[in-house]
Each structure stands twice: as structure tokens, then as C-alpha cells.
Amino acid sequence: MTAIIIFFWILIFIVFYAYAGYGIVLYALVKLKRIMFSKAIRHNPDFEPEVTLFVAAYNEKDFIKAKVENSLALDYPENKLKLVWVTDGSDDGTPELLKSHPRLEVYHQPERAGKIGAMNRGMKLVNTPIVIFTDANTMLNPEAIRNIVRHYADPKVGGVAGEKRIAKKDKDAAAGAGEGIYWKYESALKRLDSELYSVVGAAGELFSVRTALFHDVEKDTLLDDFILTMRITQQGYIVKYEPEANATETSSANVEEELKRKVRISAGGLQSVVRLKSLLNIFKYKTLSWQYISHRVLRWTLAPLALPFIFILNLIIAMEKGLFVPGFYTLLFWGQVVFYIAALAGWYLENRKLKVKVLFVPYYFFIMNLSVYLGFRRFIKGRQTVNWERAKRA
């Protein structure tokens, strides 16, 4: 029984550290860094290099009008901002709609090779020193370009990650409530990661790289944004986080659509762990490796794997003294039972306009971890294609 208890607490530590403990340690280290190396960051307002705003789009006719208007309204000199769209495979009239706008550079081919195929092809046509990637269905704040670009005055910066935001509704369904809370926490972690050393992976909705550092990514890559930015850090550069450059989109239409998205991300996460295995060498990459393992690898591997074992081991330990006899391990076990019942209640109440959103949090947490198992199955069987259908949005 002693061995079971020790193993149980090791698993508890892994899960706690992956989802909360890392954030606590990171916050403490950043606070310490501010005390020891406090200095104001001054940006040069005259630093305005040429920039390409790059959109890889597939059948996005419903978003084109709003996205183009949003792009044209960005606060950056017109003669220094190029607007490039690559529309490989689009057959819904997207290329024709885009070509009606004189400021846009539109590159289309009928063959569809996924987002990374479009990026690899389109980047060969980019001739500005900085490129900013964004999605067709996300809207940027007017200062986004200027706030991203200012970081490149520092030669150590190889990339900049913007902030992804989920548009709030008065009464979100489970997907919206859970996704919104998740991204608020993720944004806080990214900000701290960046302040300590570097962001570990950018969100594809809005991120930027030095054009010279872009290298073609394998054509079967699922998380192009993550692989691309992490390989830049492998070259010795850092990726900064800019919360004042944000991309806003609506939440997934429902949890089924969110699960579809999460499964793809999980399959891509496992693929990334394999392809970035050298980053696990903490003796070589030091702080970067610790951030990468703590923030990403554990969430895609050990933490979800630990959850069912924690439940089973807790049951075994609690049964030793009796499931209904008051005690610490009994309380932990029934706490887990209540948590999963709350997740079940969240599933039942999905998409019902309920004001008590607390039930959606355990449900979303359960869906996040379930997606890792489903993503692992897809990754092992090679069933996740780069040509995927975007999750429907609310």
C-alpha cells in the first residue's frame, strides 16, 4: 500500500504542476526577476520596417469583407504594409472576391495542400524583413501591427506572438465559457513566459517572425505555428509576447466542434514533441527546455495519462479504510467523483443558456484531456490530415 500511495502522490504532483504549479513557480520567478533586474522598456516610435500581413485562406468568402476592411484600417504606413493572401484550393469564390481589392496581393492555385503548404509556397514571394501571420476569420485591433513590429528593434527577437481573444457573449454555451477561461489563463502564462525568457509556441491566429528565419516546414505538419516559432527559439532567438496586439474570434459553436479542434491540436502536439525532441535536453537549452516541458509537453503527455490512474489509485487507497469512513483519502476520492459528476452535468446542460457557468469548467477540462487520448490515436494511426475543416464558430 505504501508504494501505491507514493505513486499516487507522484501522479497528483504531475497533474497539479502541469495545470497550476508551473504558473505559480513562473509567477514567482518573474517577480524575482523584476526585483533584481528592474528596467523600463523603451520602444522607438520611429521604427517602422516594411511588413507583410500574410493570410493563408481556404474557402473564406463569408469573412473576406470584414477581414479586408479590418486589414485596411490597421494603424501602419500604407506604403510599408503589404497585404498577401494565399488561397490554395479555394473554390467558393474567395480568390475572385479578394482580387477585386487593388491593395491585396492574391496568390491562388487550385490544388489544396493544407495551411502549411500555402505558407511554404507564399513565403517564397515575401520580400519584407518581417511577416505577420493571421487567420481570415480573426479581427485585429488597429494598433496590432505597430505593437508587434516594435519588438524587432531588438536583434535577439526572432518572433512575436499576439494575443488570442474569444469574443464574449452575455450567455455563452459550454464551449464559449470553457474556451474563454482557458485562453485567459493561457494568455497570462504566455505573458509570464515571455517576461522570464521566451514564449513557447505562438497561436496561429496572430504571430510574426523575421522573414530570414523562416524555413519550410514539413508538409504534414499539424501545428505549423508552434513548430515554426519553436524552431526559431532553437536557433538562439527569443519569441516575445505582445498582449496589445490581439486577434479576436468567436468561440466554437458547441463542444463537439471544440473537441474536433482540440483533437487536431493534441495530435499535432504529440507530433511536435517527436519533432522537437532535442528541446527536451535541458542541459543544452536550459530555461527554454524547462518552459517547454512544463507548459507544453506535460499537458500533451503525462498529465492526461495520469488522471485515470489517480482516480483508480485513490479508490484503492480509500477502500482500504472504507469508502464511507471519514478520512483524507476518502475526501479526495469523493471530491473527484463530484468533479466528474459536474463535468457530466456540464455535458447535459451544453448549449443551454445557463447563468451558472461553473459547471462548464470541469466539462471543458474533461474535454481537453479526452482530446489528448483521441489525438494520440489519430497520431499513431496517421489519420490526421493537414487538410482539415475548420471548427464551426458561434
Protein backbone atom coordinates (compact mmCIF):
# COMPACT_ATOMS: atom_id res chain seq x y z
CA MET A 1 0.00 0.00 0.00
CA THR A 2 2.94 2.37 0.67
CA ALA A 3 4.13 2.03 -2.94
CA ILE A 4 0.61 2.78 -4.21
CA ILE A 5 0.40 5.92 -2.04
CA ILE A 6 3.80 7.15 -3.26
CA PHE A 7 2.84 6.56 -6.91
CA PHE A 8 -0.50 8.29 -6.28
CA TRP A 9 1.21 11.44 -4.99
CA ILE A 10 3.71 11.47 -7.84
CA LEU A 11 0.79 11.50 -10.29
CA ILE A 12 -1.01 14.19 -8.27
CA PHE A 13 2.12 16.33 -8.44
CA ILE A 14 2.41 15.91 -12.23
CA VAL A 15 -1.19 16.99 -12.83
CA PHE A 16 -1.05 19.87 -10.35
CA TYR A 17 2.27 21.11 -11.70
CA ALA A 18 1.16 20.90 -15.35
CA TYR A 19 -2.06 22.88 -14.86
CA ALA A 20 -1.34 25.18 -11.91
CA GLY A 21 2.04 24.63 -10.26
CA TYR A 22 4.07 25.77 -13.24
CA GLY A 23 2.11 29.01 -13.34
CA ILE A 24 2.78 29.61 -9.64
CA VAL A 25 6.53 28.94 -9.97
CA LEU A 26 6.69 31.03 -13.14
CA TYR A 27 4.95 33.96 -11.45
CA ALA A 28 7.38 33.82 -8.52
CA LEU A 29 10.42 33.75 -10.82
CA VAL A 30 9.16 36.69 -12.86
CA LYS A 31 8.51 38.68 -9.66
CA LEU A 32 12.07 37.92 -8.53
CA LYS A 33 13.45 38.93 -11.93
CA ARG A 34 11.61 42.25 -11.76
CA ILE A 35 13.17 42.98 -8.37
CA MET A 36 16.70 42.01 -9.43
CA PHE A 37 16.74 43.39 -12.98
CA SER A 38 14.11 46.11 -12.96
CA LYS A 39 14.36 48.36 -16.01
CA ALA A 40 11.87 50.23 -18.16
CA ILE A 41 11.45 49.09 -21.75
CA ARG A 42 11.51 51.97 -24.21
CA HIS A 43 10.33 51.41 -27.76
CA ASN A 44 11.44 53.57 -30.65
CA PRO A 45 8.30 55.14 -32.20
CA ASP A 46 10.19 55.82 -35.45
CA PHE A 47 11.00 52.14 -36.01
CA GLU A 48 8.73 51.27 -38.96
CA PRO A 49 10.20 48.50 -41.14
CA GLU A 50 8.28 47.06 -44.09
CA VAL A 51 5.84 44.36 -43.08
CA THR A 52 3.77 41.71 -44.84
CA LEU A 53 0.39 40.74 -43.37
CA PHE A 54 0.03 37.12 -44.54
CA VAL A 55 -3.28 35.23 -44.68
CA ALA A 56 -3.47 31.59 -45.78
CA ALA A 57 -7.14 31.05 -46.61
CA TYR A 58 -9.35 28.21 -47.72
CA ASN A 59 -12.99 28.94 -48.69
CA GLU A 60 -13.35 32.04 -46.52
CA LYS A 61 -15.85 34.09 -48.57
CA ASP A 62 -18.05 34.72 -45.52
CA PHE A 63 -15.22 36.52 -43.71
CA ILE A 64 -13.47 38.34 -46.56
CA LYS A 65 -15.37 41.64 -46.43
CA ALA A 66 -14.86 42.08 -42.67
CA LYS A 67 -11.24 40.87 -42.76
CA VAL A 68 -10.22 43.15 -45.64
CA GLU A 69 -11.88 46.16 -44.01
CA ASN A 70 -10.13 45.29 -40.76
CA SER A 71 -6.75 44.98 -42.53
CA LEU A 72 -7.12 48.29 -44.34
CA ALA A 73 -7.93 50.04 -41.05
CA LEU A 74 -4.70 48.96 -39.33
CA ASP A 75 -2.55 51.80 -37.99
CA TYR A 76 0.61 51.43 -40.06
CA PRO A 77 2.01 53.37 -43.04
CA GLU A 78 0.27 52.14 -46.20
CA ASN A 79 3.48 52.16 -48.23
CA LYS A 80 5.16 49.88 -45.69
CA LEU A 81 2.39 47.32 -45.25
CA LYS A 82 1.82 44.61 -47.86
CA LEU A 83 -1.35 42.51 -47.71
CA VAL A 84 -0.77 38.99 -49.04
CA TRP A 85 -3.40 36.26 -49.36
CA VAL A 86 -2.65 32.67 -50.44
CA THR A 87 -5.85 30.81 -51.32
CA ASP A 88 -4.74 27.32 -52.34
CA GLY A 89 -7.67 25.03 -53.10
CA SER A 90 -10.40 27.64 -52.55
CA ASP A 91 -13.37 27.02 -54.86
CA ASP A 92 -16.11 29.14 -53.25
CA GLY A 93 -15.19 32.40 -54.97
CA THR A 94 -12.68 33.51 -52.34
CA PRO A 95 -9.86 34.34 -54.84
CA GLU A 96 -12.19 36.33 -57.11
CA LEU A 97 -13.54 38.39 -54.19
CA LEU A 98 -10.02 39.15 -52.99
CA LYS A 99 -8.76 40.17 -56.43
CA SER A 100 -11.39 42.90 -56.56
CA HIS A 101 -9.39 44.78 -53.88
CA PRO A 102 -6.46 46.63 -55.51
CA ARG A 103 -4.23 46.70 -52.42
CA LEU A 104 -4.21 42.94 -51.97
CA GLU A 105 -1.66 40.55 -53.45
CA VAL A 106 -3.54 37.31 -54.12
CA TYR A 107 -1.77 34.05 -54.97
CA HIS A 108 -4.05 31.17 -55.86
CA GLN A 109 -3.59 27.64 -57.08
CA PRO A 110 -6.37 25.06 -57.48
CA GLU A 111 -4.52 22.29 -55.61
CA ARG A 112 -5.06 22.13 -51.88
CA ALA A 113 -2.10 21.18 -49.69
CA GLY A 114 -3.19 22.49 -46.31
CA LYS A 115 -2.26 25.66 -44.47
CA ILE A 116 1.42 24.80 -44.16
CA GLY A 117 1.62 24.11 -47.90
CA ALA A 118 0.18 27.56 -48.57
CA MET A 119 2.60 29.13 -46.11
CA ASN A 120 5.64 27.39 -47.60
CA ARG A 121 4.64 28.48 -51.10
CA GLY A 122 3.60 32.01 -50.18
CA MET A 123 6.68 32.79 -48.11
CA LYS A 124 8.84 32.45 -51.21
CA LEU A 125 7.03 35.54 -52.52
CA VAL A 126 7.50 37.68 -49.39
CA ASN A 127 10.27 40.29 -49.62
CA THR A 128 9.77 42.32 -46.42
CA PRO A 129 12.01 41.72 -43.38
CA ILE A 130 9.02 40.93 -41.14
CA VAL A 131 5.94 38.82 -41.83
CA ILE A 132 2.82 38.67 -39.67
CA PHE A 133 0.54 35.66 -39.98
CA THR A 134 -3.16 35.92 -39.19
CA ASP A 135 -6.33 33.95 -39.92
CA ALA A 136 -9.12 35.09 -42.22
CA ASN A 137 -11.79 34.79 -39.52
CA THR A 138 -9.99 36.82 -36.84
CA MET A 139 -10.16 40.57 -36.38
CA LEU A 140 -7.09 42.56 -35.26
CA ASN A 141 -7.02 45.67 -33.11
CA PRO A 142 -5.89 48.80 -35.04
CA GLU A 143 -2.52 49.02 -33.25
CA ALA A 144 -1.66 45.32 -33.71
CA ILE A 145 0.99 45.75 -36.44
CA ARG A 146 2.73 48.65 -34.74
CA ASN A 147 2.79 46.90 -31.36
CA ILE A 148 4.23 43.70 -32.86
CA VAL A 149 6.85 45.38 -35.02
CA ARG A 150 8.37 47.48 -32.23
CA HIS A 151 9.91 44.36 -30.65
CA TYR A 152 12.09 43.73 -33.71
CA ALA A 153 14.29 46.69 -32.84
CA ASP A 154 15.93 44.12 -30.54
CA PRO A 155 18.11 41.83 -32.72
CA LYS A 156 17.60 38.94 -30.26
CA VAL A 157 13.89 38.81 -31.09
CA GLY A 158 13.10 36.30 -33.82
CA GLY A 159 9.33 36.23 -33.44
CA VAL A 160 6.41 37.90 -31.71
CA ALA A 161 3.22 36.21 -30.54
CA GLY A 162 -0.01 38.18 -30.41
CA GLU A 163 -2.86 37.51 -28.01
CA LYS A 164 -5.81 35.37 -28.97
CA ARG A 165 -9.13 36.55 -27.56
CA ILE A 166 -12.54 34.89 -27.57
CA ALA A 167 -15.44 37.25 -28.20
CA LYS A 168 -17.73 37.13 -25.19
CA LYS A 169 -21.48 36.76 -25.32
CA ASP A 170 -23.87 37.54 -22.49
CA LYS A 171 -24.73 33.86 -22.17
CA ASP A 172 -22.03 31.58 -23.50
CA ALA A 173 -22.57 27.88 -24.02
CA ALA A 174 -20.14 25.34 -22.58
CA ALA A 175 -17.67 25.76 -25.43
CA GLY A 176 -17.58 29.54 -25.16
CA ALA A 177 -17.35 29.66 -21.37
CA GLY A 178 -14.65 26.99 -21.20
CA GLU A 179 -12.63 28.26 -24.14
CA GLY A 180 -12.74 31.84 -22.87
CA ILE A 181 -11.46 30.90 -19.41
CA TYR A 182 -8.79 28.65 -20.91
CA TRP A 183 -7.41 31.39 -23.16
CA LYS A 184 -7.35 33.94 -20.37
CA TYR A 185 -5.16 31.58 -18.36
CA GLU A 186 -3.03 30.75 -21.41
CA SER A 187 -2.54 34.43 -22.15
CA ALA A 188 -1.35 35.04 -18.59
CA LEU A 189 1.14 32.17 -18.89
CA LYS A 190 2.41 33.42 -22.25
CA ARG A 191 2.98 36.88 -20.81
CA LEU A 192 4.99 35.42 -17.92
CA ASP A 193 6.88 33.02 -20.22
CA SER A 194 7.90 35.95 -22.40
CA GLU A 195 8.99 38.07 -19.47
CA LEU A 196 11.10 35.26 -17.99
CA TYR A 197 12.69 34.22 -21.30
CA SER A 198 10.58 33.28 -24.34
CA VAL A 199 7.08 32.28 -25.38
CA VAL A 200 6.89 28.54 -26.05
CA GLY A 201 4.76 28.42 -29.17
CA ALA A 202 2.54 31.08 -30.69
CA ALA A 203 -1.17 30.88 -31.55
CA GLY A 204 -1.77 30.80 -35.30
CA GLU A 205 -4.46 33.47 -35.13
CA LEU A 206 -1.74 36.14 -34.85
CA PHE A 207 2.03 35.71 -34.78
CA SER A 208 5.06 37.15 -36.51
CA VAL A 209 8.60 36.08 -37.49
CA ARG A 210 11.64 37.57 -39.13
CA THR A 211 11.36 36.51 -42.78
CA ALA A 212 15.02 35.47 -42.88
CA LEU A 213 14.39 32.92 -40.11
CA PHE A 214 11.51 31.19 -41.89
CA HIS A 215 12.35 27.77 -43.27
CA ASP A 216 9.93 25.42 -44.99
CA VAL A 217 8.12 23.20 -42.50
CA GLU A 218 7.35 19.53 -43.28
CA LYS A 219 4.23 19.33 -45.43
CA ASP A 220 2.42 17.02 -42.99
CA THR A 221 2.89 19.38 -40.02
CA LEU A 222 -0.29 19.86 -37.99
CA LEU A 223 0.76 22.73 -35.69
CA ASP A 224 2.65 24.96 -38.11
CA ASP A 225 2.57 27.98 -35.80
CA PHE A 226 4.01 26.02 -32.88
CA ILE A 227 6.74 24.20 -34.83
CA LEU A 228 7.76 27.36 -36.69
CA THR A 229 8.16 29.53 -33.59
CA MET A 230 9.86 26.81 -31.53
CA ARG A 231 12.42 26.22 -34.27
CA ILE A 232 13.21 29.92 -34.18
CA THR A 233 13.97 29.61 -30.46
CA GLN A 234 16.17 26.60 -31.25
CA GLN A 235 18.28 28.94 -33.37
CA GLY A 236 19.02 31.05 -30.29
CA TYR A 237 16.38 33.75 -30.79
CA ILE A 238 13.51 34.56 -28.45
CA VAL A 239 9.81 34.91 -29.16
CA LYS A 240 8.20 37.83 -27.35
CA TYR A 241 4.57 38.13 -26.31
CA GLU A 242 2.59 41.26 -27.19
CA PRO A 243 -0.79 41.44 -25.38
CA GLU A 244 -1.59 44.76 -27.07
CA ALA A 245 -1.70 43.01 -30.45
CA ASN A 246 -4.76 40.83 -30.34
CA ALA A 247 -6.81 38.67 -32.68
CA THR A 248 -10.45 38.19 -31.74
CA GLU A 249 -12.69 35.37 -32.91
CA THR A 250 -15.91 33.80 -31.71
CA SER A 251 -15.87 30.58 -29.71
CA SER A 252 -16.58 27.17 -31.19
CA ALA A 253 -20.26 26.69 -31.97
CA ASN A 254 -20.52 23.84 -29.46
CA VAL A 255 -18.36 21.38 -27.54
CA GLU A 256 -18.49 18.86 -30.39
CA GLU A 257 -16.84 21.44 -32.67
CA GLU A 258 -14.37 22.40 -29.92
CA LEU A 259 -13.48 18.74 -29.42
CA LYS A 260 -12.78 18.45 -33.15
CA ARG A 261 -10.33 21.34 -32.85
CA LYS A 262 -8.74 20.04 -29.65
CA VAL A 263 -8.20 16.55 -31.07
CA ARG A 264 -6.31 18.02 -34.00
CA ILE A 265 -4.21 20.16 -31.66
CA SER A 266 -3.47 17.15 -29.46
CA ALA A 267 -2.38 15.05 -32.44
CA GLY A 268 -0.23 17.98 -33.56
CA GLY A 269 1.16 18.37 -30.05
CA LEU A 270 2.36 14.77 -29.97
CA GLN A 271 3.83 15.20 -33.45
CA SER A 272 5.61 18.33 -32.22
CA VAL A 273 7.07 16.56 -29.18
CA VAL A 274 8.61 13.96 -31.51
CA ARG A 275 9.95 16.53 -33.98
CA LEU A 276 11.27 18.85 -31.29
CA LYS A 277 12.79 16.10 -29.14
CA SER A 278 16.12 17.93 -28.98
CA LEU A 279 14.37 20.64 -26.94
CA LEU A 280 13.96 18.13 -24.12
CA ASN A 281 17.70 18.48 -23.48
CA ILE A 282 17.60 20.84 -20.51
CA PHE A 283 21.42 20.91 -20.31
CA LYS A 284 21.57 22.47 -23.78
CA TYR A 285 18.51 24.73 -23.83
CA LYS A 286 18.23 25.37 -20.07
CA THR A 287 15.35 27.79 -19.32
CA LEU A 288 13.72 27.20 -22.70
CA SER A 289 13.61 23.42 -22.13
CA TRP A 290 12.11 23.88 -18.67
CA GLN A 291 9.41 26.20 -20.05
CA TYR A 292 8.69 23.88 -22.99
CA ILE A 293 8.41 20.73 -20.85
CA SER A 294 6.37 22.42 -18.12
CA HIS A 295 3.99 24.40 -20.31
CA ARG A 296 3.53 22.04 -23.26
CA VAL A 297 4.99 18.54 -23.04
CA LEU A 298 3.38 17.57 -19.73
CA ARG A 299 -0.07 18.71 -20.92
CA TRP A 300 0.24 16.67 -24.11
CA THR A 301 1.61 13.53 -22.44
CA LEU A 302 1.90 12.68 -18.74
CA ALA A 303 -0.80 14.88 -17.20
CA PRO A 304 -3.79 13.47 -19.16
CA LEU A 305 -2.36 9.96 -18.79
CA ALA A 306 -2.16 10.40 -15.01
CA LEU A 307 -5.82 11.34 -14.47
CA PRO A 308 -7.50 7.89 -14.73
CA PHE A 309 -4.70 6.32 -12.67
CA ILE A 310 -5.20 8.94 -9.95
CA PHE A 311 -8.89 8.03 -9.76
CA ILE A 312 -8.24 4.29 -9.65
CA LEU A 313 -5.41 4.50 -7.10
CA ASN A 314 -7.44 6.89 -4.94
CA LEU A 315 -10.29 4.36 -4.98
CA ILE A 316 -7.94 1.56 -3.90
CA ILE A 317 -6.47 3.63 -1.06
CA ALA A 318 -9.90 4.85 0.12
CA MET A 319 -11.33 1.32 0.10
CA GLU A 320 -8.59 0.22 2.48
CA LYS A 321 -10.33 2.10 5.32
CA GLY A 322 -13.81 2.15 3.84
CA LEU A 323 -15.34 4.41 1.20
CA PHE A 324 -17.76 5.95 3.69
CA VAL A 325 -15.38 6.25 6.63
CA PRO A 326 -14.24 9.89 7.08
CA GLY A 327 -10.61 10.39 6.14
CA PHE A 328 -8.26 12.38 3.93
CA TYR A 329 -8.08 9.94 1.01
CA THR A 330 -11.82 9.28 1.19
CA LEU A 331 -12.45 13.02 0.93
CA LEU A 332 -10.12 13.24 -2.08
CA PHE A 333 -11.90 10.36 -3.78
CA TRP A 334 -15.38 11.78 -3.34
CA GLY A 335 -14.06 15.16 -4.43
CA GLN A 336 -13.02 13.55 -7.72
CA VAL A 337 -16.44 11.92 -8.02
CA VAL A 338 -18.15 15.30 -7.55
CA PHE A 339 -15.82 16.86 -10.15
CA TYR A 340 -16.67 14.27 -12.79
CA ILE A 341 -20.39 14.49 -11.96
CA ALA A 342 -20.09 18.25 -12.52
CA ALA A 343 -18.45 17.51 -15.88
CA LEU A 344 -21.36 15.19 -16.71
CA ALA A 345 -23.80 17.93 -15.70
CA GLY A 346 -21.93 20.35 -17.97
CA TRP A 347 -22.36 17.87 -20.83
CA TYR A 348 -26.09 17.61 -20.10
CA LEU A 349 -26.52 21.38 -19.97
CA GLU A 350 -24.35 22.02 -23.02
CA ASN A 351 -25.59 24.93 -25.11
CA ARG A 352 -28.43 25.71 -22.71
CA LYS A 353 -28.47 29.35 -21.68
CA LEU A 354 -27.48 28.73 -18.08
CA LYS A 355 -26.02 31.54 -15.97
CA VAL A 356 -24.10 29.17 -13.63
CA LYS A 357 -21.02 28.68 -15.78
CA VAL A 358 -19.07 26.89 -13.05
CA LEU A 359 -20.38 23.56 -14.39
CA PHE A 360 -18.79 24.23 -17.78
CA VAL A 361 -15.28 24.45 -16.34
CA PRO A 362 -14.94 20.78 -15.30
CA TYR A 363 -16.64 19.76 -18.54
CA TYR A 364 -14.17 21.74 -20.63
CA PHE A 365 -11.26 20.35 -18.57
CA PHE A 366 -12.54 16.82 -19.20
CA ILE A 367 -12.89 17.52 -22.95
CA MET A 368 -9.34 18.94 -23.07
CA ASN A 369 -7.88 15.76 -21.63
CA LEU A 370 -10.14 13.43 -23.59
CA SER A 371 -8.87 15.10 -26.77
CA VAL A 372 -5.31 14.01 -25.91
CA TYR A 373 -6.36 10.33 -25.96
CA LEU A 374 -8.28 10.78 -29.21
CA GLY A 375 -5.43 12.80 -30.68
CA PHE A 376 -2.92 10.10 -29.71
CA ARG A 377 -4.99 7.50 -31.56
CA ARG A 378 -5.10 9.68 -34.66
CA PHE A 379 -1.37 10.40 -34.46
CA ILE A 380 -0.44 6.72 -34.13
CA LYS A 381 -2.74 5.70 -36.98
CA GLY A 382 -1.72 8.67 -39.14
CA ARG A 383 -5.34 9.67 -39.70
CA GLN A 384 -5.00 13.40 -39.03
CA THR A 385 -4.65 15.22 -42.35
CA VAL A 386 -3.34 18.74 -42.82
CA ASN A 387 -6.42 19.38 -44.99
CA TRP A 388 -8.92 19.79 -42.21
CA GLU A 389 -12.26 21.53 -41.96
CA ARG A 390 -12.19 24.46 -39.55
CA ALA A 391 -14.37 24.06 -36.47
CA LYS A 392 -17.68 25.89 -36.82
CA ARG A 393 -17.78 29.10 -34.83
CA ALA A 394 -20.63 30.52 -32.77
